[in-house]
Amino acid sequence: MEHYKSWAGLKKQLNEFLCEALINRITYFLTRYHDVHNSYGRASIRFDGTELVCFSWIEMYHQEYAVSAVHKKDPKLSYEDAIEQLKPEWDKNCTYYEMDFLDAALKFRSMSIKTALESDNYIIKILAILDKRVGNRTLAQLSNNKEYEAYPEWVQQFYRLRFTSSKIAF
């Protein structure tokens, strides 16, 4: 994972990327409970104060349990291969925790917007679709090609939000 100085600084960078229509409407939240065993944490993306998606420490345990179950079935499978096997289910159910969000945010800030929109990481896609560097022409193309409709519902809601806020029909 890339290094960052503070959540406040990273949050400021993410907010600077937001399209004009969503400034002060989208908020990013991240907290870590450092005094608790394993530094549990929580992250979320909110719209007008309503939480649209949450990435909680509890999902870390769901991930580890799933990887363990895969290893029981096939002990020769590497950890990385087990994760690759489980990723479609995690994507569908948003089985991600705050460090997944943090890692995606850190990667996103140094990506081109084109690369971010094409990313396999749904969290990066969300950050990208909310980005001011995505213009109306690109939004119209994304709306017309309907590719986003194949994404899980928790991701689609951000596409619809951006289309609506930019007055793009979908």
Protein backbone atom coordinates (compact mmCIF):
# COMPACT_ATOMS: atom_id res chain seq x y z
CA MET A 1 0.00 0.00 0.00
CA GLU A 2 1.17 3.49 -0.81
CA HIS A 3 2.04 5.82 2.02
CA TYR A 4 -0.05 8.81 2.99
CA LYS A 5 0.48 11.43 5.68
CA SER A 6 -3.03 11.78 7.06
CA TRP A 7 -6.63 10.88 6.32
CA ALA A 8 -7.49 14.60 6.39
CA GLY A 9 -4.99 15.24 3.59
CA LEU A 10 -6.17 12.27 1.52
CA LYS A 11 -9.82 13.21 2.07
CA LYS A 12 -9.03 16.74 0.87
CA GLN A 13 -7.47 15.31 -2.30
CA LEU A 14 -10.50 13.08 -2.93
CA ASN A 15 -12.84 16.03 -2.39
CA GLU A 16 -10.84 18.13 -4.87
CA PHE A 17 -11.49 15.46 -7.51
CA LEU A 18 -15.29 15.62 -7.06
CA CYS A 19 -17.35 17.03 -9.91
CA GLU A 20 -18.90 20.42 -9.17
CA ALA A 21 -22.46 19.08 -8.80
CA LEU A 22 -21.38 16.72 -6.00
CA ILE A 23 -19.13 19.03 -4.00
CA ASN A 24 -20.44 19.20 -0.40
CA ARG A 25 -22.92 16.43 -1.22
CA ILE A 26 -20.53 13.45 -1.37
CA THR A 27 -18.46 12.86 1.76
CA TYR A 28 -15.80 10.27 2.38
CA PHE A 29 -15.38 8.82 5.85
CA LEU A 30 -12.59 6.72 7.32
CA THR A 31 -11.76 5.92 10.90
CA ARG A 32 -9.41 3.49 12.57
CA TYR A 33 -9.82 2.38 16.16
CA HIS A 34 -6.14 2.24 17.08
CA ASP A 35 -6.73 1.33 20.73
CA VAL A 36 -8.71 -1.76 19.75
CA HIS A 37 -6.99 -5.07 18.98
CA ASN A 38 -6.03 -5.22 15.27
CA SER A 39 -6.91 -1.51 14.76
CA TYR A 40 -10.42 -2.11 13.48
CA GLY A 41 -11.84 0.56 11.23
CA ARG A 42 -14.64 1.67 9.02
CA ALA A 43 -14.96 3.65 5.80
CA SER A 44 -17.97 4.87 3.88
CA ILE A 45 -19.15 7.09 1.07
CA ARG A 46 -22.15 9.26 1.87
CA PHE A 47 -24.47 11.37 -0.25
CA ASP A 48 -26.31 14.19 1.51
CA GLY A 49 -25.57 12.47 4.81
CA THR A 50 -26.97 9.09 3.75
CA GLU A 51 -24.48 6.25 3.66
CA LEU A 52 -24.43 4.68 0.18
CA VAL A 53 -21.70 2.13 0.84
CA CYS A 54 -19.78 1.00 3.91
CA PHE A 55 -16.46 -0.81 4.15
CA SER A 56 -16.20 -2.26 7.64
CA TRP A 57 -13.59 -4.25 9.55
CA ILE A 58 -16.08 -7.07 9.87
CA GLU A 59 -15.72 -7.75 6.14
CA MET A 60 -12.05 -8.51 6.74
CA TYR A 61 -13.18 -11.51 8.79
CA HIS A 62 -15.62 -12.56 6.07
CA GLN A 63 -12.77 -12.41 3.56
CA GLU A 64 -10.42 -14.44 5.76
CA TYR A 65 -13.13 -17.02 6.52
CA ALA A 66 -13.86 -17.42 2.80
CA VAL A 67 -10.16 -17.82 1.96
CA SER A 68 -9.82 -20.40 4.74
CA ALA A 69 -12.81 -22.35 3.38
CA VAL A 70 -11.29 -22.38 -0.11
CA HIS A 71 -7.98 -23.61 1.35
CA LYS A 72 -9.76 -26.46 3.15
CA LYS A 73 -11.18 -27.62 -0.18
CA ASP A 74 -7.88 -27.20 -2.05
CA PRO A 75 -4.82 -26.88 0.25
CA LYS A 76 -2.47 -26.52 -2.75
CA LEU A 77 -4.16 -23.31 -3.89
CA SER A 78 -2.12 -20.19 -3.17
CA TYR A 79 -3.55 -17.35 -1.10
CA GLU A 80 -3.55 -15.08 -4.16
CA ASP A 81 -5.37 -17.70 -6.27
CA ALA A 82 -7.96 -18.14 -3.53
CA ILE A 83 -8.56 -14.39 -3.49
CA GLU A 84 -8.84 -14.35 -7.29
CA GLN A 85 -11.41 -17.14 -7.07
CA LEU A 86 -13.43 -15.26 -4.42
CA LYS A 87 -13.20 -11.78 -5.95
CA PRO A 88 -16.38 -12.04 -8.10
CA GLU A 89 -18.46 -12.89 -5.03
CA TRP A 90 -16.78 -10.13 -2.99
CA ASP A 91 -17.45 -7.67 -5.80
CA LYS A 92 -21.11 -8.66 -5.98
CA ASN A 93 -21.69 -8.43 -2.23
CA CYS A 94 -19.31 -5.53 -1.46
CA THR A 95 -17.27 -7.71 0.87
CA TYR A 96 -14.61 -5.06 1.37
CA TYR A 97 -13.23 -3.44 4.47
CA GLU A 98 -11.77 -0.04 5.21
CA MET A 99 -8.25 -0.95 4.13
CA ASP A 100 -9.59 -1.99 0.71
CA PHE A 101 -11.14 1.48 0.45
CA LEU A 102 -7.96 3.17 1.61
CA ASP A 103 -5.80 1.17 -0.81
CA ALA A 104 -8.14 2.03 -3.71
CA ALA A 105 -8.14 5.74 -2.78
CA LEU A 106 -4.35 5.83 -2.65
CA LYS A 107 -4.05 4.12 -6.04
CA PHE A 108 -6.74 6.31 -7.57
CA ARG A 109 -5.04 9.61 -6.82
CA SER A 110 -2.12 8.77 -9.13
CA MET A 111 -4.13 7.18 -11.97
CA SER A 112 -5.29 8.74 -15.17
CA ILE A 113 -9.07 9.06 -15.25
CA LYS A 114 -9.25 6.72 -18.25
CA THR A 115 -7.34 4.01 -16.38
CA ALA A 116 -9.51 4.51 -13.29
CA LEU A 117 -12.74 4.17 -15.27
CA GLU A 118 -11.44 0.93 -16.82
CA SER A 119 -10.15 -0.48 -13.52
CA ASP A 120 -11.22 -3.92 -12.30
CA ASN A 121 -11.50 -2.42 -8.81
CA TYR A 122 -15.05 -1.23 -8.23
CA ILE A 123 -14.01 1.21 -5.52
CA ILE A 124 -11.66 2.90 -7.99
CA LYS A 125 -14.48 2.96 -10.58
CA ILE A 126 -16.71 4.73 -8.04
CA LEU A 127 -14.06 7.34 -7.28
CA ALA A 128 -13.58 7.82 -11.03
CA ILE A 129 -17.26 8.25 -11.94
CA LEU A 130 -17.56 10.98 -9.29
CA ASP A 131 -14.48 12.76 -10.64
CA LYS A 132 -14.66 16.17 -12.32
CA ARG A 133 -12.25 14.95 -15.02
CA VAL A 134 -15.08 12.82 -16.44
CA GLY A 135 -16.84 15.20 -18.81
CA ASN A 136 -20.34 15.16 -20.22
CA ARG A 137 -19.27 13.48 -23.46
CA THR A 138 -17.69 10.58 -21.55
CA LEU A 139 -20.70 10.40 -19.23
CA ALA A 140 -23.04 10.23 -22.23
CA GLN A 141 -20.95 7.40 -23.73
CA LEU A 142 -20.99 5.51 -20.42
CA SER A 143 -24.74 5.99 -20.16
CA ASN A 144 -25.39 4.92 -23.75
CA ASN A 145 -23.20 1.81 -23.73
CA LYS A 146 -24.94 0.60 -20.53
CA GLU A 147 -21.83 -1.34 -19.45
CA TYR A 148 -22.34 -0.09 -15.90
CA GLU A 149 -25.59 -2.09 -15.71
CA ALA A 150 -23.50 -5.27 -15.43
CA TYR A 151 -21.87 -3.92 -12.26
CA PRO A 152 -23.23 -4.78 -8.81
CA GLU A 153 -26.06 -2.56 -7.56
CA TRP A 154 -23.83 -0.90 -4.95
CA VAL A 155 -21.64 0.37 -7.83
CA GLN A 156 -24.46 1.21 -10.24
CA GLN A 157 -25.97 3.65 -7.76
CA PHE A 158 -22.91 5.89 -8.12
CA TYR A 159 -23.20 5.89 -11.91
CA ARG A 160 -26.88 6.84 -11.71
CA LEU A 161 -26.05 9.51 -9.13
CA ARG A 162 -23.43 11.05 -11.41
CA PHE A 163 -25.66 10.84 -14.50
CA THR A 164 -28.50 12.51 -12.60
CA SER A 165 -26.30 15.21 -11.08
CA SER A 166 -24.86 15.99 -14.54
CA LYS A 167 -28.29 15.84 -16.22
CA ILE A 168 -27.33 12.85 -18.39
CA ALA A 169 -30.16 10.50 -19.36
CA PHE A 170 -29.66 6.85 -18.43
